[in-house]
Amino acid sequence: MGIKVILDTDIGNDIDDALCAGYLLANRECELLGVTTVFGDTVVKARLISALCKAAQRDVPIYPGVKQPLLVPIREGKKTSRQAAALPELEHDTDWPEREAMRFLSETIRANPGEVVLCTIGALTNIGVLFSIDPELPALLKGMVSFCGHYGVRKPEPNAFYDPHAAAIVYGQRMNYHKCMGHDVNRYSLHKSVFGDKFSGHPVLDVVRRYAEIYFERQDTAYFADPLAGIAIFREDIFGWKKGRATIELKDEEMLGLTHWAEGGEEPWHEVPFEIDRDAFEKEYFSVFEAR
């Protein structure tokens, strides 16, 4: 038996969501209990995840989640998912029961107390709603790993900025552990000129590469940001961690979503990496696609 994981993602525009989902699906140590999608057209995002699951030959429950931030307007670029242009050529499911994501999350965590790692790689809207309606859940998790926040740079990070109020709810919850992967620790990227060579030889990599082709229409480099969260579940030794407390700025309108970090303290339940072994990260990421 592997580690039980639930993934919450806003896949569809940046490529790193697909990079992370692909890693989890190919990782034999990952028992992926389900995926919830968040922000914008969450049904289309579910279809994008479904194509990856089909390629991995894994039957994973998928639930479209909340479409809008709690209080702030949704950012224009998050309303659509450009990578959906690849779906007509990919096998995928098309329809799911909507408004079921919260039920799935609550029931699954409660059915596996102390065993589930919640991995979030998008805005924290789904999880903020979940913890608000079922406040016992944070303590029932094995732990949580989020790609969210800047910890060494004073500027808002997108996943916190897009729904700061949801992020504040989540970061205020006491858990067994909450590993917070900051944007400023990202150390690995691939230029589009070499991406295709790396992403071949595995059905999941083929789907990620197709999504990347759409992403590269506007960008030259794929940053492996969200995979930091996925890999930290299985290889925390790759990172240099510090414990402390993180809070989310809500009062300063110009700095909404800014992550305030204080190392140490009386209740240091957040863990943040400030160092990463880049070579070990690369080796771990691609190793799961070799073990078939």
C-alpha atoms as a PDB file:
ATOM      1  CA  MET A   1       0.000   0.000   0.000  1.00  0.00           C
ATOM      2  CA  GLY A   2       1.215   3.460  -0.846  1.00  0.00           C
ATOM      3  CA  ILE A   3       0.556   6.868   0.671  1.00  0.00           C
ATOM      4  CA  LYS A   4      -3.071   7.953   0.352  1.00  0.00           C
ATOM      5  CA  VAL A   5      -3.303  11.283  -1.484  1.00  0.00           C
ATOM      6  CA  ILE A   6      -6.078  13.613  -2.620  1.00  0.00           C
ATOM      7  CA  LEU A   7      -5.078  16.204  -5.225  1.00  0.00           C
ATOM      8  CA  ASP A   8      -6.769  19.614  -5.556  1.00  0.00           C
ATOM      9  CA  THR A   9      -5.803  21.401  -8.775  1.00  0.00           C
ATOM     10  CA  ASP A  10      -6.606  24.297 -11.117  1.00  0.00           C
ATOM     11  CA  ILE A  11      -5.050  22.563 -14.147  1.00  0.00           C
ATOM     12  CA  GLY A  12      -5.448  24.106 -17.569  1.00  0.00           C
ATOM     13  CA  ASN A  13      -3.248  27.163 -18.137  1.00  0.00           C
ATOM     14  CA  ASP A  14       0.165  26.841 -16.488  1.00  0.00           C
ATOM     15  CA  ILE A  15       1.781  23.489 -17.219  1.00  0.00           C
ATOM     16  CA  ASP A  16       2.984  22.698 -13.708  1.00  0.00           C
ATOM     17  CA  ASP A  17      -0.392  21.311 -12.583  1.00  0.00           C
ATOM     18  CA  ALA A  18      -0.178  18.648 -15.284  1.00  0.00           C
ATOM     19  CA  LEU A  19       3.454  18.021 -14.352  1.00  0.00           C
ATOM     20  CA  CYS A  20       2.446  17.353 -10.743  1.00  0.00           C
ATOM     21  CA  ALA A  21      -0.623  15.259 -11.584  1.00  0.00           C
ATOM     22  CA  GLY A  22       1.439  13.173 -14.000  1.00  0.00           C
ATOM     23  CA  TYR A  23       4.032  12.487 -11.316  1.00  0.00           C
ATOM     24  CA  LEU A  24       1.406  11.354  -8.806  1.00  0.00           C
ATOM     25  CA  LEU A  25      -0.364   9.132 -11.341  1.00  0.00           C
ATOM     26  CA  ALA A  26       2.863   7.421 -12.405  1.00  0.00           C
ATOM     27  CA  ASN A  27       4.187   7.018  -8.865  1.00  0.00           C
ATOM     28  CA  ARG A  28       3.559   3.480  -7.616  1.00  0.00           C
ATOM     29  CA  GLU A  29       3.901   4.685  -4.033  1.00  0.00           C
ATOM     30  CA  CYS A  30       0.935   7.043  -4.505  1.00  0.00           C
ATOM     31  CA  GLU A  31      -2.567   5.748  -3.775  1.00  0.00           C
ATOM     32  CA  LEU A  32      -4.475   8.593  -5.424  1.00  0.00           C
ATOM     33  CA  LEU A  33      -7.909   8.510  -3.786  1.00  0.00           C
ATOM     34  CA  GLY A  34      -9.342  11.291  -5.920  1.00  0.00           C
ATOM     35  CA  VAL A  35      -8.906  14.664  -7.584  1.00  0.00           C
ATOM     36  CA  THR A  36     -10.919  17.842  -7.108  1.00  0.00           C
ATOM     37  CA  THR A  37     -10.710  20.782  -9.489  1.00  0.00           C
ATOM     38  CA  VAL A  38     -11.008  24.439  -8.589  1.00  0.00           C
ATOM     39  CA  PHE A  39     -11.411  27.860 -10.202  1.00  0.00           C
ATOM     40  CA  GLY A  40     -13.077  28.765 -13.492  1.00  0.00           C
ATOM     41  CA  ASP A  41     -14.548  25.990 -15.620  1.00  0.00           C
ATOM     42  CA  THR A  42     -13.961  23.168 -13.187  1.00  0.00           C
ATOM     43  CA  VAL A  43     -15.699  20.612 -15.439  1.00  0.00           C
ATOM     44  CA  VAL A  44     -13.217  21.270 -18.245  1.00  0.00           C
ATOM     45  CA  LYS A  45     -10.407  20.980 -15.714  1.00  0.00           C
ATOM     46  CA  ALA A  46     -11.857  17.609 -14.668  1.00  0.00           C
ATOM     47  CA  ARG A  47     -11.685  16.483 -18.299  1.00  0.00           C
ATOM     48  CA  LEU A  48      -8.025  17.482 -18.472  1.00  0.00           C
ATOM     49  CA  ILE A  49      -7.291  15.398 -15.381  1.00  0.00           C
ATOM     50  CA  SER A  50      -9.336  12.535 -16.819  1.00  0.00           C
ATOM     51  CA  ALA A  51      -7.122  12.374 -19.917  1.00  0.00           C
ATOM     52  CA  LEU A  52      -4.067  11.967 -17.685  1.00  0.00           C
ATOM     53  CA  CYS A  53      -5.811   9.258 -15.653  1.00  0.00           C
ATOM     54  CA  LYS A  54      -6.746   7.379 -18.835  1.00  0.00           C
ATOM     55  CA  ALA A  55      -3.143   7.524 -20.020  1.00  0.00           C
ATOM     56  CA  ALA A  56      -2.002   6.167 -16.656  1.00  0.00           C
ATOM     57  CA  GLN A  57      -4.701   3.475 -16.757  1.00  0.00           C
ATOM     58  CA  ARG A  58      -5.873   4.502 -13.313  1.00  0.00           C
ATOM     59  CA  ASP A  59      -9.525   4.768 -12.312  1.00  0.00           C
ATOM     60  CA  VAL A  60      -9.450   7.840 -10.094  1.00  0.00           C
ATOM     61  CA  PRO A  61     -12.598   9.653  -8.849  1.00  0.00           C
ATOM     62  CA  ILE A  62     -12.707  13.239 -10.120  1.00  0.00           C
ATOM     63  CA  TYR A  63     -14.961  15.978  -8.765  1.00  0.00           C
ATOM     64  CA  PRO A  64     -15.366  19.512 -10.167  1.00  0.00           C
ATOM     65  CA  GLY A  65     -15.260  21.979  -7.306  1.00  0.00           C
ATOM     66  CA  VAL A  66     -15.842  25.676  -6.602  1.00  0.00           C
ATOM     67  CA  LYS A  67     -15.624  27.998  -9.608  1.00  0.00           C
ATOM     68  CA  GLN A  68     -15.307  31.425  -7.931  1.00  0.00           C
ATOM     69  CA  PRO A  69     -13.127  32.897  -5.152  1.00  0.00           C
ATOM     70  CA  LEU A  70     -14.835  33.459  -1.827  1.00  0.00           C
ATOM     71  CA  LEU A  71     -14.828  37.281  -1.895  1.00  0.00           C
ATOM     72  CA  VAL A  72     -12.546  38.753  -4.561  1.00  0.00           C
ATOM     73  CA  PRO A  73     -13.382  38.664  -8.299  1.00  0.00           C
ATOM     74  CA  ILE A  74     -11.962  35.801 -10.325  1.00  0.00           C
ATOM     75  CA  ARG A  75      -9.013  36.843 -12.472  1.00  0.00           C
ATOM     76  CA  GLU A  76      -9.814  36.924 -16.166  1.00  0.00           C
ATOM     77  CA  GLY A  77      -7.094  34.485 -17.162  1.00  0.00           C
ATOM     78  CA  LYS A  78      -8.424  31.864 -14.740  1.00  0.00           C
ATOM     79  CA  LYS A  79     -11.934  31.653 -16.223  1.00  0.00           C
ATOM     80  CA  THR A  80     -10.880  29.397 -19.090  1.00  0.00           C
ATOM     81  CA  SER A  81      -8.411  26.530 -19.569  1.00  0.00           C
ATOM     82  CA  ARG A  82      -6.372  26.879 -22.747  1.00  0.00           C
ATOM     83  CA  GLN A  83      -5.077  23.318 -22.606  1.00  0.00           C
ATOM     84  CA  ALA A  84      -8.614  22.100 -23.266  1.00  0.00           C
ATOM     85  CA  ALA A  85      -7.772  22.582 -26.955  1.00  0.00           C
ATOM     86  CA  ALA A  86      -5.953  19.241 -26.738  1.00  0.00           C
ATOM     87  CA  LEU A  87      -8.965  17.284 -25.470  1.00  0.00           C
ATOM     88  CA  PRO A  88     -10.540  16.337 -28.847  1.00  0.00           C
ATOM     89  CA  GLU A  89      -7.513  14.153 -29.609  1.00  0.00           C
ATOM     90  CA  LEU A  90      -7.290  12.563 -26.148  1.00  0.00           C
ATOM     91  CA  GLU A  91      -9.383   9.853 -24.519  1.00  0.00           C
ATOM     92  CA  HIS A  92     -11.212  11.293 -21.524  1.00  0.00           C
ATOM     93  CA  ASP A  93     -14.476  11.205 -19.614  1.00  0.00           C
ATOM     94  CA  THR A  94     -16.805  14.138 -20.134  1.00  0.00           C
ATOM     95  CA  ASP A  95     -19.364  14.418 -17.359  1.00  0.00           C
ATOM     96  CA  TRP A  96     -19.359  14.290 -13.574  1.00  0.00           C
ATOM     97  CA  PRO A  97     -21.878  15.095 -10.858  1.00  0.00           C
ATOM     98  CA  GLU A  98     -21.310  18.708  -9.877  1.00  0.00           C
ATOM     99  CA  ARG A  99     -21.600  20.082  -6.318  1.00  0.00           C
ATOM    100  CA  GLU A 100     -20.247  16.796  -4.946  1.00  0.00           C
ATOM    101  CA  ALA A 101     -16.623  17.799  -4.283  1.00  0.00           C
ATOM    102  CA  MET A 102     -17.160  18.799  -0.644  1.00  0.00           C
ATOM    103  CA  ARG A 103     -19.038  15.592   0.116  1.00  0.00           C
ATOM    104  CA  PHE A 104     -16.300  13.504  -1.490  1.00  0.00           C
ATOM    105  CA  LEU A 105     -13.523  15.284   0.398  1.00  0.00           C
ATOM    106  CA  SER A 106     -15.264  15.094   3.759  1.00  0.00           C
ATOM    107  CA  GLU A 107     -16.342  11.458   3.439  1.00  0.00           C
ATOM    108  CA  THR A 108     -12.970  10.282   2.133  1.00  0.00           C
ATOM    109  CA  ILE A 109     -10.944  12.000   4.844  1.00  0.00           C
ATOM    110  CA  ARG A 110     -13.311  10.755   7.553  1.00  0.00           C
ATOM    111  CA  ALA A 111     -13.153   7.198   6.186  1.00  0.00           C
ATOM    112  CA  ASN A 112      -9.333   7.275   6.383  1.00  0.00           C
ATOM    113  CA  PRO A 113      -8.505   9.162   9.602  1.00  0.00           C
ATOM    114  CA  GLY A 114      -4.836  10.025   9.944  1.00  0.00           C
ATOM    115  CA  GLU A 115      -3.990   8.504   6.573  1.00  0.00           C
ATOM    116  CA  VAL A 116      -4.739  11.078   3.853  1.00  0.00           C
ATOM    117  CA  VAL A 117      -2.275  13.676   2.573  1.00  0.00           C
ATOM    118  CA  LEU A 118      -4.107  16.585   0.968  1.00  0.00           C
ATOM    119  CA  CYS A 119      -2.031  18.018  -1.884  1.00  0.00           C
ATOM    120  CA  THR A 120      -3.168  21.439  -3.122  1.00  0.00           C
ATOM    121  CA  ILE A 121      -1.641  23.050  -6.208  1.00  0.00           C
ATOM    122  CA  GLY A 122      -4.192  25.754  -6.991  1.00  0.00           C
ATOM    123  CA  ALA A 123      -6.064  28.488  -5.224  1.00  0.00           C
ATOM    124  CA  LEU A 124      -7.323  27.216  -1.873  1.00  0.00           C
ATOM    125  CA  THR A 125     -11.028  27.906  -2.464  1.00  0.00           C
ATOM    126  CA  ASN A 126     -12.186  24.280  -2.279  1.00  0.00           C
ATOM    127  CA  ILE A 127     -10.231  23.625   0.893  1.00  0.00           C
ATOM    128  CA  GLY A 128     -11.230  26.900   2.529  1.00  0.00           C
ATOM    129  CA  VAL A 129     -14.891  26.010   1.977  1.00  0.00           C
ATOM    130  CA  LEU A 130     -14.300  22.438   3.158  1.00  0.00           C
ATOM    131  CA  PHE A 131     -12.625  23.438   6.411  1.00  0.00           C
ATOM    132  CA  SER A 132     -15.329  26.050   7.047  1.00  0.00           C
ATOM    133  CA  ILE A 133     -18.215  23.581   6.772  1.00  0.00           C
ATOM    134  CA  ASP A 134     -16.392  20.674   8.454  1.00  0.00           C
ATOM    135  CA  PRO A 135     -13.845  22.151  10.904  1.00  0.00           C
ATOM    136  CA  GLU A 136     -12.904  18.749  12.336  1.00  0.00           C
ATOM    137  CA  LEU A 137     -11.255  17.667   9.076  1.00  0.00           C
ATOM    138  CA  PRO A 138      -7.824  19.360   9.406  1.00  0.00           C
ATOM    139  CA  ALA A 139      -7.034  17.275  12.477  1.00  0.00           C
ATOM    140  CA  LEU A 140      -8.155  14.100  10.673  1.00  0.00           C
ATOM    141  CA  LEU A 141      -5.615  14.489   7.880  1.00  0.00           C
ATOM    142  CA  LYS A 142      -2.254  12.761   7.932  1.00  0.00           C
ATOM    143  CA  GLY A 143      -1.026  16.130   6.683  1.00  0.00           C
ATOM    144  CA  MET A 144      -1.252  18.724   3.958  1.00  0.00           C
ATOM    145  CA  VAL A 145       1.207  19.851   1.304  1.00  0.00           C
ATOM    146  CA  SER A 146       0.451  23.079  -0.562  1.00  0.00           C
ATOM    147  CA  PHE A 147       2.137  24.947  -3.344  1.00  0.00           C
ATOM    148  CA  CYS A 148       1.212  28.388  -2.110  1.00  0.00           C
ATOM    149  CA  GLY A 149       3.010  31.512  -0.975  1.00  0.00           C
ATOM    150  CA  HIS A 150       6.327  33.351  -1.099  1.00  0.00           C
ATOM    151  CA  TYR A 151       8.460  32.921   2.005  1.00  0.00           C
ATOM    152  CA  GLY A 152      11.745  34.571   1.067  1.00  0.00           C
ATOM    153  CA  VAL A 153      10.350  37.315  -1.173  1.00  0.00           C
ATOM    154  CA  ARG A 154       7.897  40.032  -0.186  1.00  0.00           C
ATOM    155  CA  LYS A 155       5.241  39.746  -2.886  1.00  0.00           C
ATOM    156  CA  PRO A 156       1.955  37.846  -3.225  1.00  0.00           C
ATOM    157  CA  GLU A 157       2.130  34.408  -4.834  1.00  0.00           C
ATOM    158  CA  PRO A 158      -0.683  33.561  -7.311  1.00  0.00           C
ATOM    159  CA  ASN A 159      -2.339  30.675  -5.444  1.00  0.00           C
ATOM    160  CA  ALA A 160      -2.635  32.857  -2.330  1.00  0.00           C
ATOM    161  CA  PHE A 161      -3.414  36.023  -4.300  1.00  0.00           C
ATOM    162  CA  TYR A 162      -6.252  34.524  -6.377  1.00  0.00           C
ATOM    163  CA  ASP A 163      -8.267  33.698  -3.244  1.00  0.00           C
ATOM    164  CA  PRO A 164      -6.559  35.203  -0.190  1.00  0.00           C
ATOM    165  CA  HIS A 165      -9.526  34.703   2.118  1.00  0.00           C
ATOM    166  CA  ALA A 166      -9.637  30.968   1.421  1.00  0.00           C
ATOM    167  CA  ALA A 167      -5.863  30.784   1.904  1.00  0.00           C
ATOM    168  CA  ALA A 168      -6.200  32.569   5.249  1.00  0.00           C
ATOM    169  CA  ILE A 169      -8.809  30.031   6.396  1.00  0.00           C
ATOM    170  CA  VAL A 170      -6.588  27.091   5.449  1.00  0.00           C
ATOM    171  CA  TYR A 171      -3.390  28.508   6.919  1.00  0.00           C
ATOM    172  CA  GLY A 172      -5.192  29.172  10.194  1.00  0.00           C
ATOM    173  CA  GLN A 173      -5.955  25.487  10.765  1.00  0.00           C
ATOM    174  CA  ARG A 174      -3.837  23.354  13.075  1.00  0.00           C
ATOM    175  CA  MET A 175      -2.880  20.047  11.397  1.00  0.00           C
ATOM    176  CA  ASN A 176      -0.476  17.187  12.040  1.00  0.00           C
ATOM    177  CA  TYR A 177       1.728  18.959   9.514  1.00  0.00           C
ATOM    178  CA  HIS A 178       1.309  21.543   6.766  1.00  0.00           C
ATOM    179  CA  LYS A 179       4.211  21.693   4.332  1.00  0.00           C
ATOM    180  CA  CYS A 180       4.071  24.964   2.405  1.00  0.00           C
ATOM    181  CA  MET A 181       6.024  24.984  -0.845  1.00  0.00           C
ATOM    182  CA  GLY A 182       6.939  28.532  -1.796  1.00  0.00           C
ATOM    183  CA  HIS A 183       7.300  29.892  -5.297  1.00  0.00           C
ATOM    184  CA  ASP A 184      10.723  31.253  -4.392  1.00  0.00           C
ATOM    185  CA  VAL A 185      12.190  27.757  -3.780  1.00  0.00           C
ATOM    186  CA  ASN A 186      11.495  26.582  -7.348  1.00  0.00           C
ATOM    187  CA  ARG A 187      14.858  25.651  -8.855  1.00  0.00           C
ATOM    188  CA  TYR A 188      14.051  23.397 -11.812  1.00  0.00           C
ATOM    189  CA  SER A 189      12.767  24.302 -15.274  1.00  0.00           C
ATOM    190  CA  LEU A 190      12.968  23.113 -18.876  1.00  0.00           C
ATOM    191  CA  HIS A 191      13.111  25.233 -22.015  1.00  0.00           C
ATOM    192  CA  LYS A 192      10.664  24.276 -24.730  1.00  0.00           C
ATOM    193  CA  SER A 193      13.553  23.303 -27.017  1.00  0.00           C
ATOM    194  CA  VAL A 194      14.387  20.302 -24.783  1.00  0.00           C
ATOM    195  CA  PHE A 195      11.011  19.595 -23.194  1.00  0.00           C
ATOM    196  CA  GLY A 196       9.878  17.181 -25.886  1.00  0.00           C
ATOM    197  CA  ASP A 197      12.987  15.025 -25.530  1.00  0.00           C
ATOM    198  CA  LYS A 198      12.384  14.640 -21.805  1.00  0.00           C
ATOM    199  CA  PHE A 199       8.648  14.011 -22.108  1.00  0.00           C
ATOM    200  CA  SER A 200       8.415  10.891 -24.240  1.00  0.00           C
ATOM    201  CA  GLY A 201       8.330   7.143 -23.788  1.00  0.00           C
ATOM    202  CA  HIS A 202       5.429   7.015 -21.310  1.00  0.00           C
ATOM    203  CA  PRO A 203       1.687   7.514 -22.020  1.00  0.00           C
ATOM    204  CA  VAL A 204       1.315  10.073 -19.214  1.00  0.00           C
ATOM    205  CA  LEU A 205       4.325  12.045 -20.453  1.00  0.00           C
ATOM    206  CA  ASP A 206       2.767  12.071 -23.916  1.00  0.00           C
ATOM    207  CA  VAL A 207      -0.373  13.777 -22.585  1.00  0.00           C
ATOM    208  CA  VAL A 208       1.654  16.259 -20.529  1.00  0.00           C
ATOM    209  CA  ARG A 209       3.713  17.043 -23.629  1.00  0.00           C
ATOM    210  CA  ARG A 210       0.535  17.757 -25.617  1.00  0.00           C
ATOM    211  CA  TYR A 211      -0.671  20.159 -22.908  1.00  0.00           C
ATOM    212  CA  ALA A 212       2.789  21.731 -22.877  1.00  0.00           C
ATOM    213  CA  GLU A 213       2.655  22.415 -26.612  1.00  0.00           C
ATOM    214  CA  ILE A 214      -0.320  24.692 -25.948  1.00  0.00           C
ATOM    215  CA  TYR A 215       1.387  26.266 -22.951  1.00  0.00           C
ATOM    216  CA  PHE A 216       4.504  26.964 -25.053  1.00  0.00           C
ATOM    217  CA  GLU A 217       2.479  29.035 -27.497  1.00  0.00           C
ATOM    218  CA  ARG A 218       2.828  31.871 -24.964  1.00  0.00           C
ATOM    219  CA  GLN A 219       5.799  30.785 -22.832  1.00  0.00           C
ATOM    220  CA  ASP A 220       9.311  29.528 -23.533  1.00  0.00           C
ATOM    221  CA  THR A 221      10.027  27.750 -20.250  1.00  0.00           C
ATOM    222  CA  ALA A 222       8.173  25.179 -18.151  1.00  0.00           C
ATOM    223  CA  TYR A 223       8.708  25.745 -14.432  1.00  0.00           C
ATOM    224  CA  PHE A 224       8.329  22.700 -12.179  1.00  0.00           C
ATOM    225  CA  ALA A 225       6.577  24.577  -9.395  1.00  0.00           C
ATOM    226  CA  ASP A 226       3.590  22.398  -8.468  1.00  0.00           C
ATOM    227  CA  PRO A 227       5.635  19.157  -8.635  1.00  0.00           C
ATOM    228  CA  LEU A 228       7.461  20.475  -5.566  1.00  0.00           C
ATOM    229  CA  ALA A 229       4.312  19.683  -3.595  1.00  0.00           C
ATOM    230  CA  GLY A 230       3.874  16.233  -5.084  1.00  0.00           C
ATOM    231  CA  ILE A 231       7.472  15.194  -4.578  1.00  0.00           C
ATOM    232  CA  ALA A 232       7.566  16.534  -1.003  1.00  0.00           C
ATOM    233  CA  ILE A 233       4.989  13.897  -0.027  1.00  0.00           C
ATOM    234  CA  PHE A 234       7.401  11.092  -0.892  1.00  0.00           C
ATOM    235  CA  ARG A 235      10.885  12.644  -0.720  1.00  0.00           C
ATOM    236  CA  GLU A 236      10.938  15.298   1.958  1.00  0.00           C
ATOM    237  CA  ASP A 237      14.683  14.662   2.286  1.00  0.00           C
ATOM    238  CA  ILE A 238      15.246  16.550  -0.983  1.00  0.00           C
ATOM    239  CA  PHE A 239      14.353  19.817   0.755  1.00  0.00           C
ATOM    240  CA  GLY A 240      15.851  21.857   3.580  1.00  0.00           C
ATOM    241  CA  TRP A 241      12.964  22.629   5.939  1.00  0.00           C
ATOM    242  CA  LYS A 242      12.310  25.274   8.551  1.00  0.00           C
ATOM    243  CA  LYS A 243       9.377  25.341  10.964  1.00  0.00           C
ATOM    244  CA  GLY A 244       7.354  28.382  11.881  1.00  0.00           C
ATOM    245  CA  ARG A 245       4.040  30.118  11.251  1.00  0.00           C
ATOM    246  CA  ALA A 246       2.674  31.493   8.020  1.00  0.00           C
ATOM    247  CA  THR A 247      -0.265  33.889   7.784  1.00  0.00           C
ATOM    248  CA  ILE A 248      -1.985  35.500   4.814  1.00  0.00           C
ATOM    249  CA  GLU A 249      -2.376  39.283   4.412  1.00  0.00           C
ATOM    250  CA  LEU A 250      -6.022  40.399   4.223  1.00  0.00           C
ATOM    251  CA  LYS A 251      -5.954  44.017   5.490  1.00  0.00           C
ATOM    252  CA  ASP A 252      -3.675  45.729   2.955  1.00  0.00           C
ATOM    253  CA  GLU A 253      -5.628  45.871  -0.324  1.00  0.00           C
ATOM    254  CA  GLU A 254      -2.455  46.354  -2.350  1.00  0.00           C
ATOM    255  CA  MET A 255      -0.805  43.300  -0.804  1.00  0.00           C
ATOM    256  CA  LEU A 256      -3.726  40.885  -0.540  1.00  0.00           C
ATOM    257  CA  GLY A 257      -2.442  37.340  -0.397  1.00  0.00           C
ATOM    258  CA  LEU A 258       1.039  38.268   0.809  1.00  0.00           C
ATOM    259  CA  THR A 259       2.490  35.472   2.932  1.00  0.00           C
ATOM    260  CA  HIS A 260       3.877  36.555   6.301  1.00  0.00           C
ATOM    261  CA  TRP A 261       6.449  34.067   7.579  1.00  0.00           C
ATOM    262  CA  ALA A 262       7.878  33.840  11.094  1.00  0.00           C
ATOM    263  CA  GLU A 263      10.405  31.100  11.822  1.00  0.00           C
ATOM    264  CA  GLY A 264      10.113  29.240  15.108  1.00  0.00           C
ATOM    265  CA  GLY A 265       7.679  30.519  17.710  1.00  0.00           C
ATOM    266  CA  GLU A 266       5.485  28.713  20.225  1.00  0.00           C
ATOM    267  CA  GLU A 267       3.290  26.881  17.677  1.00  0.00           C
ATOM    268  CA  PRO A 268       5.391  26.255  14.548  1.00  0.00           C
ATOM    269  CA  TRP A 269       3.001  23.994  12.656  1.00  0.00           C
ATOM    270  CA  HIS A 270       3.971  25.177   9.153  1.00  0.00           C
ATOM    271  CA  GLU A 271       7.045  23.729   7.438  1.00  0.00           C
ATOM    272  CA  VAL A 272       8.689  25.655   4.605  1.00  0.00           C
ATOM    273  CA  PRO A 273      11.636  24.581   2.428  1.00  0.00           C
ATOM    274  CA  PHE A 274      14.307  27.183   1.754  1.00  0.00           C
ATOM    275  CA  GLU A 275      16.720  24.808   0.011  1.00  0.00           C
ATOM    276  CA  ILE A 276      16.307  22.100  -2.630  1.00  0.00           C
ATOM    277  CA  ASP A 277      18.628  19.469  -4.065  1.00  0.00           C
ATOM    278  CA  ARG A 278      17.999  20.234  -7.727  1.00  0.00           C
ATOM    279  CA  ASP A 279      19.655  17.088  -9.087  1.00  0.00           C
ATOM    280  CA  ALA A 280      17.782  14.825  -6.672  1.00  0.00           C
ATOM    281  CA  PHE A 281      14.542  16.593  -7.582  1.00  0.00           C
ATOM    282  CA  GLU A 282      15.055  15.934 -11.297  1.00  0.00           C
ATOM    283  CA  LYS A 283      16.029  12.317 -10.677  1.00  0.00           C
ATOM    284  CA  GLU A 284      12.988  11.681  -8.473  1.00  0.00           C
ATOM    285  CA  TYR A 285      10.570  13.311 -10.897  1.00  0.00           C
ATOM    286  CA  PHE A 286      11.529  11.249 -13.938  1.00  0.00           C
ATOM    287  CA  SER A 287      12.208   8.020 -12.024  1.00  0.00           C
ATOM    288  CA  VAL A 288       8.494   7.295 -11.577  1.00  0.00           C
ATOM    289  CA  PHE A 289       8.030   7.156 -15.344  1.00  0.00           C
ATOM    290  CA  GLU A 290      10.855   4.656 -15.743  1.00  0.00           C
ATOM    291  CA  ALA A 291       9.493   2.100 -13.233  1.00  0.00           C
ATOM    292  CA  ARG A 292       6.789   0.378 -15.263  1.00  0.00           C
END
